[in-house]
Amino acid sequence: MRNVEIKASVPNLEGLIRRAKAVSGTDGVVIEQVDVFFISQHGRLKMRSLKTEGKESHELIWYSRSDQEGPKLSTYDKITMDQKQRDEMTALLTHSNGVRGEVRKRRTLFIVGQTRVHCDLVEGLGEYAELEV
């Protein structure tokens, strides 16, 4: 699969969320997200855990994306798994590849047409917006 995305630091996340609510006509969906990044020889590999409205889901995602500034084309594959599979796969990848890092965020997601608008509060890093088509 493929998408195009752009990310940027924002000075006022609450203001952005208010504008996204107005444009989308919704309150958005709040997602607690944890990404564990594994060392990968080709592309990037992460285990994503999501908690939305009390429901948990987990995805192993491989993707390739340049490090250039501005909009970026991403090519990716992902599989969905349950908690037990996530725990087993995380242990396996930690032993075989090693962990590069972990990112925790509180994301408010809005859909505007074909665009996903992410309003993110990233632990230890700050406030960000991401547009994904």
C-alpha atoms as a PDB file:
ATOM      1  CA  MET A   1       0.000   0.000   0.000  1.00  0.00           C
ATOM      2  CA  ARG A   2       1.053   3.621  -0.418  1.00  0.00           C
ATOM      3  CA  ASN A   3       0.293   7.035   0.996  1.00  0.00           C
ATOM      4  CA  VAL A   4       1.656  10.574   1.021  1.00  0.00           C
ATOM      5  CA  GLU A   5       2.148  12.331   4.340  1.00  0.00           C
ATOM      6  CA  ILE A   6       3.539  15.523   5.768  1.00  0.00           C
ATOM      7  CA  LYS A   7       4.354  16.187   9.430  1.00  0.00           C
ATOM      8  CA  ALA A   8       5.017  19.468  11.200  1.00  0.00           C
ATOM      9  CA  SER A   9       5.486  20.806  14.695  1.00  0.00           C
ATOM     10  CA  VAL A  10       2.574  23.037  15.734  1.00  0.00           C
ATOM     11  CA  PRO A  11       2.604  25.886  18.271  1.00  0.00           C
ATOM     12  CA  ASN A  12      -0.984  25.387  19.493  1.00  0.00           C
ATOM     13  CA  LEU A  13      -2.416  21.863  19.357  1.00  0.00           C
ATOM     14  CA  GLU A  14      -5.741  22.838  20.957  1.00  0.00           C
ATOM     15  CA  GLY A  15      -6.249  25.524  18.309  1.00  0.00           C
ATOM     16  CA  LEU A  16      -5.512  22.993  15.576  1.00  0.00           C
ATOM     17  CA  ILE A  17      -7.997  20.539  17.101  1.00  0.00           C
ATOM     18  CA  ARG A  18     -10.696  23.256  17.160  1.00  0.00           C
ATOM     19  CA  ARG A  19     -10.090  23.987  13.459  1.00  0.00           C
ATOM     20  CA  ALA A  20     -10.077  20.269  12.585  1.00  0.00           C
ATOM     21  CA  LYS A  21     -13.398  19.815  14.415  1.00  0.00           C
ATOM     22  CA  ALA A  22     -14.908  22.683  12.434  1.00  0.00           C
ATOM     23  CA  VAL A  23     -13.620  21.433   9.066  1.00  0.00           C
ATOM     24  CA  SER A  24     -14.483  17.757   9.652  1.00  0.00           C
ATOM     25  CA  GLY A  25     -17.803  18.347  11.417  1.00  0.00           C
ATOM     26  CA  THR A  26     -16.820  15.762  14.071  1.00  0.00           C
ATOM     27  CA  ASP A  27     -15.153  15.635  17.477  1.00  0.00           C
ATOM     28  CA  GLY A  28     -12.508  13.293  16.082  1.00  0.00           C
ATOM     29  CA  VAL A  29     -11.363  10.024  17.612  1.00  0.00           C
ATOM     30  CA  VAL A  30      -8.832   9.998  20.458  1.00  0.00           C
ATOM     31  CA  ILE A  31      -6.195   7.271  20.148  1.00  0.00           C
ATOM     32  CA  GLU A  32      -3.499   6.369  22.670  1.00  0.00           C
ATOM     33  CA  GLN A  33      -0.649   5.043  20.544  1.00  0.00           C
ATOM     34  CA  VAL A  34       2.672   3.364  21.308  1.00  0.00           C
ATOM     35  CA  ASP A  35       5.151   2.589  18.517  1.00  0.00           C
ATOM     36  CA  VAL A  36       8.184   0.377  19.193  1.00  0.00           C
ATOM     37  CA  PHE A  37      10.751   0.777  16.404  1.00  0.00           C
ATOM     38  CA  PHE A  38      13.056  -2.125  15.604  1.00  0.00           C
ATOM     39  CA  ILE A  39      16.422  -1.957  13.887  1.00  0.00           C
ATOM     40  CA  SER A  40      15.882  -2.858  10.225  1.00  0.00           C
ATOM     41  CA  GLN A  41      18.363  -3.244   7.376  1.00  0.00           C
ATOM     42  CA  HIS A  42      15.781  -2.171   4.787  1.00  0.00           C
ATOM     43  CA  GLY A  43      13.058   0.365   5.470  1.00  0.00           C
ATOM     44  CA  ARG A  44      11.553   0.808   8.926  1.00  0.00           C
ATOM     45  CA  LEU A  45       9.817  -1.706  11.157  1.00  0.00           C
ATOM     46  CA  LYS A  46       7.536  -0.911  14.079  1.00  0.00           C
ATOM     47  CA  MET A  47       5.038  -2.559  16.371  1.00  0.00           C
ATOM     48  CA  ARG A  48       2.076  -0.258  16.908  1.00  0.00           C
ATOM     49  CA  SER A  49      -0.352  -0.620  19.804  1.00  0.00           C
ATOM     50  CA  LEU A  50      -3.539   1.438  19.730  1.00  0.00           C
ATOM     51  CA  LYS A  51      -6.170   2.063  22.360  1.00  0.00           C
ATOM     52  CA  THR A  52      -9.370   3.706  21.135  1.00  0.00           C
ATOM     53  CA  GLU A  53     -12.534   4.038  23.204  1.00  0.00           C
ATOM     54  CA  GLY A  54     -11.377   1.185  25.471  1.00  0.00           C
ATOM     55  CA  LYS A  55     -10.535  -1.172  22.581  1.00  0.00           C
ATOM     56  CA  GLU A  56      -6.972  -2.293  21.900  1.00  0.00           C
ATOM     57  CA  SER A  57      -5.418  -3.347  18.599  1.00  0.00           C
ATOM     58  CA  HIS A  58      -1.882  -4.115  17.449  1.00  0.00           C
ATOM     59  CA  GLU A  59      -0.133  -3.903  14.077  1.00  0.00           C
ATOM     60  CA  LEU A  60       3.307  -4.836  12.825  1.00  0.00           C
ATOM     61  CA  ILE A  61       4.167  -2.303  10.124  1.00  0.00           C
ATOM     62  CA  TRP A  62       7.069  -2.264   7.669  1.00  0.00           C
ATOM     63  CA  TYR A  63       7.469   0.873   5.613  1.00  0.00           C
ATOM     64  CA  SER A  64       9.853   2.697   3.336  1.00  0.00           C
ATOM     65  CA  ARG A  65       9.947   6.494   3.351  1.00  0.00           C
ATOM     66  CA  SER A  66      12.635   9.049   2.570  1.00  0.00           C
ATOM     67  CA  ASP A  67      14.020  11.384   5.222  1.00  0.00           C
ATOM     68  CA  GLN A  68      13.506  14.478   3.043  1.00  0.00           C
ATOM     69  CA  GLU A  69      11.713  17.587   4.286  1.00  0.00           C
ATOM     70  CA  GLY A  70       8.121  18.178   3.166  1.00  0.00           C
ATOM     71  CA  PRO A  71       5.610  15.692   1.732  1.00  0.00           C
ATOM     72  CA  LYS A  72       6.840  12.105   1.594  1.00  0.00           C
ATOM     73  CA  LEU A  73       5.650   9.051  -0.286  1.00  0.00           C
ATOM     74  CA  SER A  74       5.464   5.946   1.916  1.00  0.00           C
ATOM     75  CA  THR A  75       5.164   2.355   0.789  1.00  0.00           C
ATOM     76  CA  TYR A  76       4.052   0.001   3.556  1.00  0.00           C
ATOM     77  CA  ASP A  77       2.747  -3.412   4.545  1.00  0.00           C
ATOM     78  CA  LYS A  78       1.064  -4.264   7.823  1.00  0.00           C
ATOM     79  CA  ILE A  79      -0.494  -7.153   9.675  1.00  0.00           C
ATOM     80  CA  THR A  80      -2.959  -6.989  12.552  1.00  0.00           C
ATOM     81  CA  MET A  81      -2.501  -9.199  15.580  1.00  0.00           C
ATOM     82  CA  ASP A  82      -3.911  -9.865  19.017  1.00  0.00           C
ATOM     83  CA  GLN A  83      -2.174  -9.101  22.342  1.00  0.00           C
ATOM     84  CA  LYS A  84      -0.505 -12.525  22.647  1.00  0.00           C
ATOM     85  CA  GLN A  85       0.828 -12.384  19.086  1.00  0.00           C
ATOM     86  CA  ARG A  86       2.062  -8.825  19.693  1.00  0.00           C
ATOM     87  CA  ASP A  87       3.927  -9.869  22.834  1.00  0.00           C
ATOM     88  CA  GLU A  88       5.519 -12.865  21.108  1.00  0.00           C
ATOM     89  CA  MET A  89       6.481 -10.911  17.975  1.00  0.00           C
ATOM     90  CA  THR A  90       7.876  -8.013  20.020  1.00  0.00           C
ATOM     91  CA  ALA A  91      10.077 -10.428  21.996  1.00  0.00           C
ATOM     92  CA  LEU A  92      11.261 -12.155  18.824  1.00  0.00           C
ATOM     93  CA  LEU A  93      12.097  -8.890  17.028  1.00  0.00           C
ATOM     94  CA  THR A  94      13.761  -7.436  20.119  1.00  0.00           C
ATOM     95  CA  HIS A  95      16.094 -10.447  20.286  1.00  0.00           C
ATOM     96  CA  SER A  96      16.748 -10.733  16.544  1.00  0.00           C
ATOM     97  CA  ASN A  97      16.898  -7.071  15.479  1.00  0.00           C
ATOM     98  CA  GLY A  98      17.143  -4.916  18.594  1.00  0.00           C
ATOM     99  CA  VAL A  99      14.976  -1.941  19.532  1.00  0.00           C
ATOM    100  CA  ARG A 100      15.787   1.468  18.040  1.00  0.00           C
ATOM    101  CA  GLY A 101      13.304   3.438  20.146  1.00  0.00           C
ATOM    102  CA  GLU A 102       9.765   3.938  21.376  1.00  0.00           C
ATOM    103  CA  VAL A 103       7.294   6.752  20.716  1.00  0.00           C
ATOM    104  CA  ARG A 104       4.169   7.364  22.793  1.00  0.00           C
ATOM    105  CA  LYS A 105       1.494   9.760  21.661  1.00  0.00           C
ATOM    106  CA  ARG A 106      -2.060  10.874  22.194  1.00  0.00           C
ATOM    107  CA  ARG A 107      -3.544  11.307  18.738  1.00  0.00           C
ATOM    108  CA  THR A 108      -6.826  12.947  17.824  1.00  0.00           C
ATOM    109  CA  LEU A 109      -7.821  11.725  14.362  1.00  0.00           C
ATOM    110  CA  PHE A 110     -10.114  13.573  11.968  1.00  0.00           C
ATOM    111  CA  ILE A 111     -11.173  12.550   8.459  1.00  0.00           C
ATOM    112  CA  VAL A 112     -11.610  15.387   5.959  1.00  0.00           C
ATOM    113  CA  GLY A 113     -12.507  14.038   2.514  1.00  0.00           C
ATOM    114  CA  GLN A 114      -9.736  11.555   1.683  1.00  0.00           C
ATOM    115  CA  THR A 115      -7.299  13.131   4.145  1.00  0.00           C
ATOM    116  CA  ARG A 116      -6.519  11.840   7.624  1.00  0.00           C
ATOM    117  CA  VAL A 117      -5.708  14.760   9.921  1.00  0.00           C
ATOM    118  CA  HIS A 118      -3.668  13.683  12.956  1.00  0.00           C
ATOM    119  CA  CYS A 119      -3.306  16.083  15.892  1.00  0.00           C
ATOM    120  CA  ASP A 120      -0.590  14.555  18.069  1.00  0.00           C
ATOM    121  CA  LEU A 121       0.773  15.181  21.541  1.00  0.00           C
ATOM    122  CA  VAL A 122       4.035  13.208  21.490  1.00  0.00           C
ATOM    123  CA  GLU A 123       5.558  12.322  24.853  1.00  0.00           C
ATOM    124  CA  GLY A 124       8.845  14.151  25.362  1.00  0.00           C
ATOM    125  CA  LEU A 125       8.770  15.749  21.891  1.00  0.00           C
ATOM    126  CA  GLY A 126       5.806  18.126  21.737  1.00  0.00           C
ATOM    127  CA  GLU A 127       2.788  18.898  19.574  1.00  0.00           C
ATOM    128  CA  TYR A 128       2.558  17.844  15.932  1.00  0.00           C
ATOM    129  CA  ALA A 129       0.187  17.716  12.995  1.00  0.00           C
ATOM    130  CA  GLU A 130       0.258  15.075  10.286  1.00  0.00           C
ATOM    131  CA  LEU A 131      -1.743  15.036   7.070  1.00  0.00           C
ATOM    132  CA  GLU A 132      -2.013  11.691   5.283  1.00  0.00           C
ATOM    133  CA  VAL A 133      -3.639  10.910   1.951  1.00  0.00           C
END
